[in-house]
Protein backbone atom coordinates (compact mmCIF):
# COMPACT_ATOMS: atom_id res chain seq x y z
CA MET A 1 1.24 -6.21 0.59
CA THR A 2 0.25 -3.28 -1.55
CA SER A 3 2.61 -1.83 -4.15
CA ARG A 4 3.36 1.29 -2.10
CA THR A 5 4.41 -0.85 0.87
CA HIS A 6 6.62 -2.91 -1.43
CA ASP A 7 8.14 0.28 -2.89
CA VAL A 8 8.98 1.85 0.45
CA PHE A 9 10.26 -1.44 1.91
CA ALA A 10 12.50 -1.93 -1.16
CA PHE A 11 13.87 1.59 -0.73
CA ALA A 12 14.46 1.01 3.00
CA SER A 13 16.25 -2.25 2.16
CA LEU A 14 18.35 -0.49 -0.49
CA VAL A 15 19.38 2.31 1.90
CA THR A 16 20.16 -0.16 4.68
CA LEU A 17 22.33 -2.39 2.50
CA ALA A 18 24.05 0.63 0.93
CA ALA A 19 25.03 1.85 4.40
CA TYR A 20 26.47 -1.53 5.39
CA PHE A 21 28.01 -2.29 1.98
CA PRO A 22 28.77 1.15 0.46
CA PRO A 23 29.27 1.20 -3.30
CA ASP A 24 32.77 2.06 -4.48
CA LYS A 25 31.85 4.41 -7.30
CA LEU A 26 28.48 6.04 -7.56
CA ASN A 27 27.48 8.69 -10.06
CA THR A 28 24.17 10.51 -10.47
CA THR A 29 22.97 8.31 -13.33
CA THR A 30 23.73 5.10 -11.46
CA LEU A 31 22.01 6.46 -8.34
CA LEU A 32 18.82 7.35 -10.25
CA VAL A 33 18.73 4.10 -12.25
CA SER A 34 19.37 2.11 -9.05
CA PHE A 35 16.52 3.85 -7.28
CA VAL A 36 14.15 3.10 -10.16
CA GLY A 37 15.61 -0.41 -10.35
CA SER A 38 14.79 -1.15 -6.73
CA ILE A 39 11.19 -0.02 -7.30
CA VAL A 40 10.90 -2.12 -10.48
CA GLY A 41 12.46 -5.04 -8.61
CA SER A 42 9.92 -4.65 -5.83
CA LEU A 43 7.10 -4.91 -8.37
CA LEU A 44 8.55 -7.76 -10.47
CA PRO A 45 7.28 -10.67 -8.35
CA ASP A 46 3.72 -9.52 -9.05
CA VAL A 47 4.08 -9.72 -12.86
CA ASP A 48 1.44 -12.43 -12.62
CA GLN A 49 -1.24 -9.84 -11.80
CA VAL A 50 -2.97 -7.57 -14.31
CA SER A 51 -3.35 -4.97 -11.54
CA ASN A 52 0.42 -4.75 -10.96
CA ARG A 53 1.52 -1.10 -11.02
CA LEU A 54 4.48 -2.17 -13.17
CA TRP A 55 2.12 -2.59 -16.12
CA ASP A 56 1.11 1.08 -15.77
CA LEU A 57 4.73 2.11 -16.31
CA ILE A 58 5.19 0.61 -19.77
CA PRO A 59 3.39 1.25 -23.08
CA ALA A 60 0.60 -1.28 -23.69
CA GLY A 61 1.33 -2.59 -20.20
CA HIS A 62 -2.26 -3.56 -19.53
CA ILE A 63 -2.24 -5.88 -22.57
CA VAL A 64 1.13 -7.37 -21.56
CA GLY A 65 -0.21 -7.77 -18.02
CA LYS A 66 -3.14 -9.81 -19.31
CA ILE A 67 -0.74 -12.08 -21.19
CA PHE A 68 1.43 -12.59 -18.10
CA ASP A 69 -1.68 -13.17 -15.98
CA LYS A 70 -2.65 -16.09 -18.23
CA LEU A 71 0.95 -17.33 -18.50
CA PHE A 72 1.45 -17.64 -14.73
CA PHE A 73 -1.99 -19.19 -14.01
CA SER A 74 -2.15 -17.87 -10.43
CA HIS A 75 -0.75 -15.18 -8.18
CA ARG A 76 2.21 -16.00 -5.94
CA GLY A 77 3.58 -18.89 -7.88
CA ILE A 78 7.04 -19.22 -9.39
CA SER A 79 7.72 -15.46 -9.07
CA HIS A 80 7.55 -15.77 -5.27
CA SER A 81 10.07 -18.63 -4.97
CA PHE A 82 13.78 -19.45 -4.88
CA LEU A 83 13.38 -20.64 -8.47
CA GLY A 84 11.91 -17.25 -9.40
CA VAL A 85 14.83 -15.45 -7.73
CA PHE A 86 17.27 -17.59 -9.71
CA LEU A 87 15.46 -17.01 -13.01
CA VAL A 88 15.26 -13.24 -12.49
CA TYR A 89 18.94 -13.21 -11.51
CA LYS A 90 19.90 -14.98 -14.74
CA LEU A 91 17.58 -12.85 -16.88
CA LEU A 92 18.93 -9.60 -15.41
CA ASP A 93 22.50 -10.81 -15.79
CA TRP A 94 21.83 -11.16 -19.52
CA VAL A 95 19.48 -8.18 -20.13
CA LEU A 96 21.26 -5.42 -18.20
CA LEU A 97 24.47 -5.83 -20.19
CA LYS A 98 22.47 -5.36 -23.38
CA VAL A 99 20.32 -2.44 -22.19
CA LEU A 100 22.61 -0.30 -20.03
CA ASN A 101 25.80 1.46 -21.07
CA PRO A 102 28.62 0.59 -18.61
CA SER A 103 30.42 3.82 -19.56
CA TYR A 104 27.73 5.83 -17.73
CA ILE A 105 26.09 3.38 -15.36
CA ASN A 106 27.59 0.93 -12.90
CA ILE A 107 25.65 -2.15 -13.98
CA GLN A 108 26.61 -4.13 -10.86
CA ILE A 109 25.03 -1.53 -8.58
CA VAL A 110 21.85 -1.43 -10.69
CA PHE A 111 21.76 -5.24 -10.78
CA ALA A 112 22.09 -5.39 -6.99
CA SER A 113 19.38 -2.72 -6.56
CA ILE A 114 16.87 -4.64 -8.66
CA MET A 115 17.62 -7.88 -6.83
CA ILE A 116 17.29 -6.10 -3.45
CA GLY A 117 13.86 -4.85 -4.53
CA PHE A 118 12.84 -8.30 -5.76
CA ILE A 119 13.98 -10.12 -2.61
CA SER A 120 12.50 -7.44 -0.32
CA HIS A 121 9.14 -8.14 -1.98
CA LEU A 122 9.38 -11.82 -1.08
CA VAL A 123 10.50 -11.08 2.47
CA ILE A 124 7.61 -8.76 3.25
CA ASP A 125 5.06 -10.99 1.45
CA ALA A 126 6.14 -13.84 3.74
CA PHE A 127 4.55 -11.84 6.57
CA THR A 128 1.15 -11.78 4.87
CA GLU A 129 -1.71 -14.11 5.57
CA GLU A 130 -1.20 -15.84 2.20
CA GLY A 131 2.51 -16.58 2.68
CA ILE A 132 4.76 -17.43 -0.27
CA PRO A 133 5.52 -20.69 -2.12
CA ILE A 134 9.27 -20.27 -1.61
CA PHE A 135 9.94 -23.91 -2.58
CA PHE A 136 7.91 -23.78 -5.82
CA PRO A 137 6.88 -26.11 -7.54
CA ILE A 138 6.00 -27.53 -4.13
CA LYS A 139 2.72 -25.79 -3.31
CA TRP A 140 3.41 -25.45 0.41
CA LYS A 141 3.43 -21.75 1.36
CA VAL A 142 5.75 -20.36 4.00
CA GLY A 143 4.81 -17.46 6.23
CA PHE A 144 5.90 -15.69 9.39
CA PRO A 145 4.81 -16.06 12.07
CA PRO A 146 3.91 -19.71 11.49
CA ILE A 147 0.38 -19.14 12.82
CA LYS A 148 -1.52 -17.84 9.79
CA SER A 149 -4.08 -15.81 11.77
CA TRP A 150 -1.25 -13.68 13.25
CA ARG A 151 0.00 -12.56 9.84
CA ILE A 152 -0.76 -9.31 8.03
CA LYS A 153 -3.83 -9.04 5.80
CA THR A 154 -2.86 -7.30 2.56
CA GLY A 155 -4.28 -3.80 2.19
CA LYS A 156 -6.04 -3.82 5.57
CA TRP A 157 -5.66 -1.46 8.53
CA PHE A 158 -2.52 -3.07 10.01
CA GLU A 159 -0.59 -2.66 6.79
CA LYS A 160 -1.89 0.89 6.22
CA PHE A 161 -1.51 2.25 9.75
CA VAL A 162 1.30 0.17 11.28
CA VAL A 163 3.51 -1.49 8.65
CA PHE A 164 3.74 1.33 6.09
CA PRO A 165 4.28 4.13 8.64
CA GLY A 166 6.65 1.84 10.55
CA ILE A 167 8.86 1.45 7.47
CA ILE A 168 8.86 5.24 6.95
CA LEU A 169 9.83 5.79 10.60
CA TYR A 170 12.56 3.17 10.27
CA LEU A 171 13.93 5.00 7.21
CA PHE A 172 14.12 8.29 9.13
CA TRP A 173 15.66 6.63 12.19
CA PHE A 174 18.19 4.68 10.11
CA SER A 175 19.12 7.71 7.99
CA ILE A 176 19.72 9.85 11.08
CA ASN A 177 21.76 7.15 12.82
CA HIS A 178 23.84 6.39 9.70
CA GLN A 179 24.00 9.94 8.39
CA LYS A 180 27.79 10.10 7.98
CA ILE A 181 27.95 6.87 5.96
CA LEU A 182 25.05 7.89 3.72
CA ILE A 183 26.52 11.36 3.14
CA ASN A 184 29.87 9.78 2.22
CA ILE A 185 28.10 7.59 -0.35
CA LEU A 186 26.47 10.67 -1.90
CA LYS A 187 29.55 12.96 -1.71
CA PRO A 188 30.82 12.20 -5.24
CA ILE A 189 27.40 13.15 -6.60
CA VAL A 190 26.82 16.36 -4.63
CA LYS A 191 30.28 17.92 -5.22
């Protein structure tokens, strides 16, 4: 999938999970950092590509992207697997405590947002023609539906005109149907 599809799917996943598992305490800073976190999380599995939009967001990102490209050898390897999820989980568990100030930001909510973005990336990539090596280092790639020719071709018409707009429509539908819950989540912020 393209980065914009990953971004919007991560946001839809974040909104959906927030409605079903509302956060206890949410402030403006945590909300903004969580939103950015879900987008960053949705781009993290593609750190093995120089063209990843994540590299555009950091200084000297293109150079770092080239290093990561060589480090990972190929696209959709460890970063698209259960092992990758575990490693990112452990890395975030360590890094977020060092980078974010818990006096201003609820680190658990940000942590969850990044992981939601990361996992949403894997879920939607499983629907692409390439599939994902979820059991890495085993090279077998998993995809849905099981028949490869029925899966989505990244960046082609079905993704652009069906999948992406479908996620946007879902977001509107879900937001309207869960309006009270979502407003209650945002109430402490909008006072």
